[in-house]
Amino acid sequence: MLRIREAREEDLPALQRIINEPTVIRYMPLEKPVKLSRIRRWFRSFALFHQPTILVLDMGKVIGACTISDNGKITIWVDEGHQRKGYGTKAMTHLKGYAKKKGLDRLWLECFKENRQALSFYRSLGFIQTGERNGEYVMELKI
């Protein structure tokens, strides 16, 4: 059963597992593997500014996560074994609803040019490329 909820401190080891998966971390310009202490700092900084980390759970197991900032910038990660099964689409639906409640009219993200699977996913949802920065495409979705 699919469930979406805000992350809590006790969820951070599961979030770390997803971020450190080869299909996710390969595109992250971070020291690898990402340590739990770094994830904890990141999580707390988002929480400090009331910018939630949202979890996607299947049968109680964390299989994905996403974030949204006050300006509509999003990140989304889905466990490798759960990709291409609709979980990312459900997470994106949740992010769009959250953004509308906050009065935002667009979502945007940055995606590495080499990440063809993610680019295909974002384009299938209606994101369009609006620019480039630091080797990444900047993409936007009007909501």
C-alpha atoms as a PDB file:
ATOM      1  CA  MET A   1       0.000   0.000   0.000  1.00  0.00           C
ATOM      2  CA  LEU A   2       1.401   3.373  -1.056  1.00  0.00           C
ATOM      3  CA  ARG A   3       1.655   6.106   1.541  1.00  0.00           C
ATOM      4  CA  ILE A   4       3.152   9.601   1.401  1.00  0.00           C
ATOM      5  CA  ARG A   5       4.111  11.522   4.538  1.00  0.00           C
ATOM      6  CA  GLU A   6       6.630  13.985   5.905  1.00  0.00           C
ATOM      7  CA  ALA A   7       9.928  12.512   7.033  1.00  0.00           C
ATOM      8  CA  ARG A   8      10.917  12.298  10.675  1.00  0.00           C
ATOM      9  CA  GLU A   9      14.351  12.101  12.237  1.00  0.00           C
ATOM     10  CA  GLU A  10      14.057   8.321  12.657  1.00  0.00           C
ATOM     11  CA  ASP A  11      13.559   7.966   8.876  1.00  0.00           C
ATOM     12  CA  LEU A  12      17.001   9.324   8.024  1.00  0.00           C
ATOM     13  CA  PRO A  13      18.838   5.955   7.799  1.00  0.00           C
ATOM     14  CA  ALA A  14      16.286   4.847   5.165  1.00  0.00           C
ATOM     15  CA  LEU A  15      16.786   8.129   3.311  1.00  0.00           C
ATOM     16  CA  GLN A  16      20.554   7.598   3.465  1.00  0.00           C
ATOM     17  CA  ARG A  17      20.137   4.135   1.937  1.00  0.00           C
ATOM     18  CA  ILE A  18      18.256   5.560  -1.036  1.00  0.00           C
ATOM     19  CA  ILE A  19      20.644   8.462  -1.601  1.00  0.00           C
ATOM     20  CA  ASN A  20      23.651   6.125  -1.534  1.00  0.00           C
ATOM     21  CA  GLU A  21      22.236   3.783  -4.190  1.00  0.00           C
ATOM     22  CA  PRO A  22      24.387   3.776  -7.344  1.00  0.00           C
ATOM     23  CA  THR A  23      21.598   5.105  -9.584  1.00  0.00           C
ATOM     24  CA  VAL A  24      21.090   8.112  -7.281  1.00  0.00           C
ATOM     25  CA  ILE A  25      24.516   8.993  -5.903  1.00  0.00           C
ATOM     26  CA  ARG A  26      26.274   8.861  -9.262  1.00  0.00           C
ATOM     27  CA  TYR A  27      24.649  12.186 -10.129  1.00  0.00           C
ATOM     28  CA  MET A  28      25.196  13.889  -6.784  1.00  0.00           C
ATOM     29  CA  PRO A  29      28.274  16.086  -6.405  1.00  0.00           C
ATOM     30  CA  LEU A  30      28.857  14.932  -2.840  1.00  0.00           C
ATOM     31  CA  GLU A  31      31.456  12.971  -0.931  1.00  0.00           C
ATOM     32  CA  LYS A  32      30.525   9.338  -1.422  1.00  0.00           C
ATOM     33  CA  PRO A  33      29.023   7.541   0.353  1.00  0.00           C
ATOM     34  CA  VAL A  34      26.907  10.254   1.956  1.00  0.00           C
ATOM     35  CA  LYS A  35      27.209   9.956   5.717  1.00  0.00           C
ATOM     36  CA  LEU A  36      24.217   9.970   8.034  1.00  0.00           C
ATOM     37  CA  SER A  37      25.547  13.078   9.800  1.00  0.00           C
ATOM     38  CA  ARG A  38      25.407  14.994   6.505  1.00  0.00           C
ATOM     39  CA  ILE A  39      21.851  13.786   5.816  1.00  0.00           C
ATOM     40  CA  ARG A  40      20.845  14.827   9.327  1.00  0.00           C
ATOM     41  CA  ARG A  41      22.280  18.366   8.819  1.00  0.00           C
ATOM     42  CA  TRP A  42      20.549  18.632   5.435  1.00  0.00           C
ATOM     43  CA  PHE A  43      17.226  17.414   6.879  1.00  0.00           C
ATOM     44  CA  ARG A  44      17.393  19.822   9.813  1.00  0.00           C
ATOM     45  CA  SER A  45      18.243  22.791   7.586  1.00  0.00           C
ATOM     46  CA  PHE A  46      15.193  22.066   5.426  1.00  0.00           C
ATOM     47  CA  ALA A  47      13.022  21.699   8.531  1.00  0.00           C
ATOM     48  CA  LEU A  48      14.342  24.968   9.960  1.00  0.00           C
ATOM     49  CA  PHE A  49      12.875  26.792   6.959  1.00  0.00           C
ATOM     50  CA  HIS A  50       9.643  24.748   6.975  1.00  0.00           C
ATOM     51  CA  GLN A  51      10.614  22.989   3.754  1.00  0.00           C
ATOM     52  CA  PRO A  52       9.491  19.399   4.180  1.00  0.00           C
ATOM     53  CA  THR A  53      11.201  16.222   3.165  1.00  0.00           C
ATOM     54  CA  ILE A  54       8.437  13.955   1.887  1.00  0.00           C
ATOM     55  CA  LEU A  55       8.708  10.163   1.981  1.00  0.00           C
ATOM     56  CA  VAL A  56       7.106   7.621  -0.305  1.00  0.00           C
ATOM     57  CA  LEU A  57       6.408   4.344   1.477  1.00  0.00           C
ATOM     58  CA  ASP A  58       5.272   1.000   0.128  1.00  0.00           C
ATOM     59  CA  MET A  59       4.041  -1.530   2.676  1.00  0.00           C
ATOM     60  CA  GLY A  60       5.675   0.620   5.385  1.00  0.00           C
ATOM     61  CA  LYS A  61       9.124   0.640   3.717  1.00  0.00           C
ATOM     62  CA  VAL A  62      10.661   3.939   2.585  1.00  0.00           C
ATOM     63  CA  ILE A  63      11.158   3.600  -1.171  1.00  0.00           C
ATOM     64  CA  GLY A  64      11.456   7.239  -2.191  1.00  0.00           C
ATOM     65  CA  ALA A  65      11.801  10.806  -1.010  1.00  0.00           C
ATOM     66  CA  CYS A  66      11.407  14.306  -2.338  1.00  0.00           C
ATOM     67  CA  THR A  67      11.879  17.878  -1.191  1.00  0.00           C
ATOM     68  CA  ILE A  68      10.420  21.219  -2.161  1.00  0.00           C
ATOM     69  CA  SER A  69      11.834  24.638  -1.341  1.00  0.00           C
ATOM     70  CA  ASP A  70       9.989  27.924  -0.952  1.00  0.00           C
ATOM     71  CA  ASN A  71      10.833  28.906  -4.539  1.00  0.00           C
ATOM     72  CA  GLY A  72       9.482  25.636  -5.967  1.00  0.00           C
ATOM     73  CA  LYS A  73      12.803  23.833  -6.475  1.00  0.00           C
ATOM     74  CA  ILE A  74      12.301  20.108  -6.046  1.00  0.00           C
ATOM     75  CA  THR A  75      14.393  16.993  -5.694  1.00  0.00           C
ATOM     76  CA  ILE A  76      13.088  13.475  -6.017  1.00  0.00           C
ATOM     77  CA  TRP A  77      14.675  10.074  -5.465  1.00  0.00           C
ATOM     78  CA  VAL A  78      13.127   6.639  -5.851  1.00  0.00           C
ATOM     79  CA  ASP A  79      14.755   3.388  -4.750  1.00  0.00           C
ATOM     80  CA  GLU A  80      16.242   1.622  -7.781  1.00  0.00           C
ATOM     81  CA  GLY A  81      14.048  -1.442  -7.345  1.00  0.00           C
ATOM     82  CA  HIS A  82      10.902   0.685  -7.320  1.00  0.00           C
ATOM     83  CA  GLN A  83      11.585   2.911 -10.311  1.00  0.00           C
ATOM     84  CA  ARG A  84       9.231   2.843 -13.308  1.00  0.00           C
ATOM     85  CA  LYS A  85       6.320   1.679 -11.161  1.00  0.00           C
ATOM     86  CA  GLY A  86       4.474   4.969 -10.672  1.00  0.00           C
ATOM     87  CA  TYR A  87       5.944   5.965  -7.301  1.00  0.00           C
ATOM     88  CA  GLY A  88       7.749   9.015  -8.692  1.00  0.00           C
ATOM     89  CA  THR A  89       4.569  10.143 -10.425  1.00  0.00           C
ATOM     90  CA  LYS A  90       2.625   9.846  -7.150  1.00  0.00           C
ATOM     91  CA  ALA A  91       5.335  11.828  -5.339  1.00  0.00           C
ATOM     92  CA  MET A  92       5.210  14.509  -8.029  1.00  0.00           C
ATOM     93  CA  THR A  93       1.412  14.734  -7.708  1.00  0.00           C
ATOM     94  CA  HIS A  94       1.884  15.318  -3.989  1.00  0.00           C
ATOM     95  CA  LEU A  95       4.528  18.003  -4.624  1.00  0.00           C
ATOM     96  CA  LYS A  96       2.247  19.810  -7.078  1.00  0.00           C
ATOM     97  CA  GLY A  97      -0.569  19.857  -4.524  1.00  0.00           C
ATOM     98  CA  TYR A  98       1.771  21.097  -1.810  1.00  0.00           C
ATOM     99  CA  ALA A  99       3.124  23.826  -4.118  1.00  0.00           C
ATOM    100  CA  LYS A 100      -0.383  25.023  -5.008  1.00  0.00           C
ATOM    101  CA  LYS A 101      -1.278  25.281  -1.306  1.00  0.00           C
ATOM    102  CA  LYS A 102       1.831  27.428  -0.823  1.00  0.00           C
ATOM    103  CA  GLY A 103       0.771  29.716  -3.680  1.00  0.00           C
ATOM    104  CA  LEU A 104       3.474  28.599  -6.121  1.00  0.00           C
ATOM    105  CA  ASP A 105       2.760  28.552  -9.845  1.00  0.00           C
ATOM    106  CA  ARG A 106       5.695  26.404 -10.938  1.00  0.00           C
ATOM    107  CA  LEU A 107       8.047  23.632  -9.900  1.00  0.00           C
ATOM    108  CA  TRP A 108      11.622  23.544 -11.126  1.00  0.00           C
ATOM    109  CA  LEU A 109      14.629  21.269 -10.827  1.00  0.00           C
ATOM    110  CA  GLU A 110      18.137  20.638 -12.032  1.00  0.00           C
ATOM    111  CA  CYS A 111      19.031  17.358 -13.698  1.00  0.00           C
ATOM    112  CA  PHE A 112      22.355  16.129 -15.034  1.00  0.00           C
ATOM    113  CA  LYS A 113      22.375  15.888 -18.820  1.00  0.00           C
ATOM    114  CA  GLU A 114      23.636  12.292 -18.587  1.00  0.00           C
ATOM    115  CA  ASN A 115      20.710  11.166 -16.424  1.00  0.00           C
ATOM    116  CA  ARG A 116      18.562  10.072 -19.354  1.00  0.00           C
ATOM    117  CA  GLN A 117      16.110   8.064 -17.267  1.00  0.00           C
ATOM    118  CA  ALA A 118      15.319  11.030 -15.018  1.00  0.00           C
ATOM    119  CA  LEU A 119      15.112  13.420 -17.975  1.00  0.00           C
ATOM    120  CA  SER A 120      12.633  11.119 -19.680  1.00  0.00           C
ATOM    121  CA  PHE A 121      10.568  10.924 -16.485  1.00  0.00           C
ATOM    122  CA  TYR A 122      10.488  14.699 -16.012  1.00  0.00           C
ATOM    123  CA  ARG A 123       9.592  15.323 -19.648  1.00  0.00           C
ATOM    124  CA  SER A 124       6.762  12.773 -19.415  1.00  0.00           C
ATOM    125  CA  LEU A 125       5.312  14.896 -16.601  1.00  0.00           C
ATOM    126  CA  GLY A 126       5.471  18.068 -18.678  1.00  0.00           C
ATOM    127  CA  PHE A 127       8.724  19.612 -17.477  1.00  0.00           C
ATOM    128  CA  ILE A 128      10.500  21.661 -20.129  1.00  0.00           C
ATOM    129  CA  GLN A 129      14.141  22.668 -20.272  1.00  0.00           C
ATOM    130  CA  THR A 130      14.523  26.381 -19.537  1.00  0.00           C
ATOM    131  CA  GLY A 131      18.299  26.631 -19.204  1.00  0.00           C
ATOM    132  CA  GLU A 132      21.603  25.066 -18.221  1.00  0.00           C
ATOM    133  CA  ARG A 133      23.794  25.494 -15.174  1.00  0.00           C
ATOM    134  CA  ASN A 134      26.954  23.676 -14.079  1.00  0.00           C
ATOM    135  CA  GLY A 135      26.458  20.742 -16.459  1.00  0.00           C
ATOM    136  CA  GLU A 136      22.815  20.319 -15.535  1.00  0.00           C
ATOM    137  CA  TYR A 137      19.601  21.132 -17.332  1.00  0.00           C
ATOM    138  CA  VAL A 138      17.250  23.478 -15.519  1.00  0.00           C
ATOM    139  CA  MET A 139      13.687  22.292 -16.063  1.00  0.00           C
ATOM    140  CA  GLU A 140      10.359  23.840 -15.156  1.00  0.00           C
ATOM    141  CA  LEU A 141       6.755  22.758 -14.847  1.00  0.00           C
ATOM    142  CA  LYS A 142       3.907  25.298 -14.703  1.00  0.00           C
ATOM    143  CA  ILE A 143       1.219  24.206 -12.261  1.00  0.00           C
END
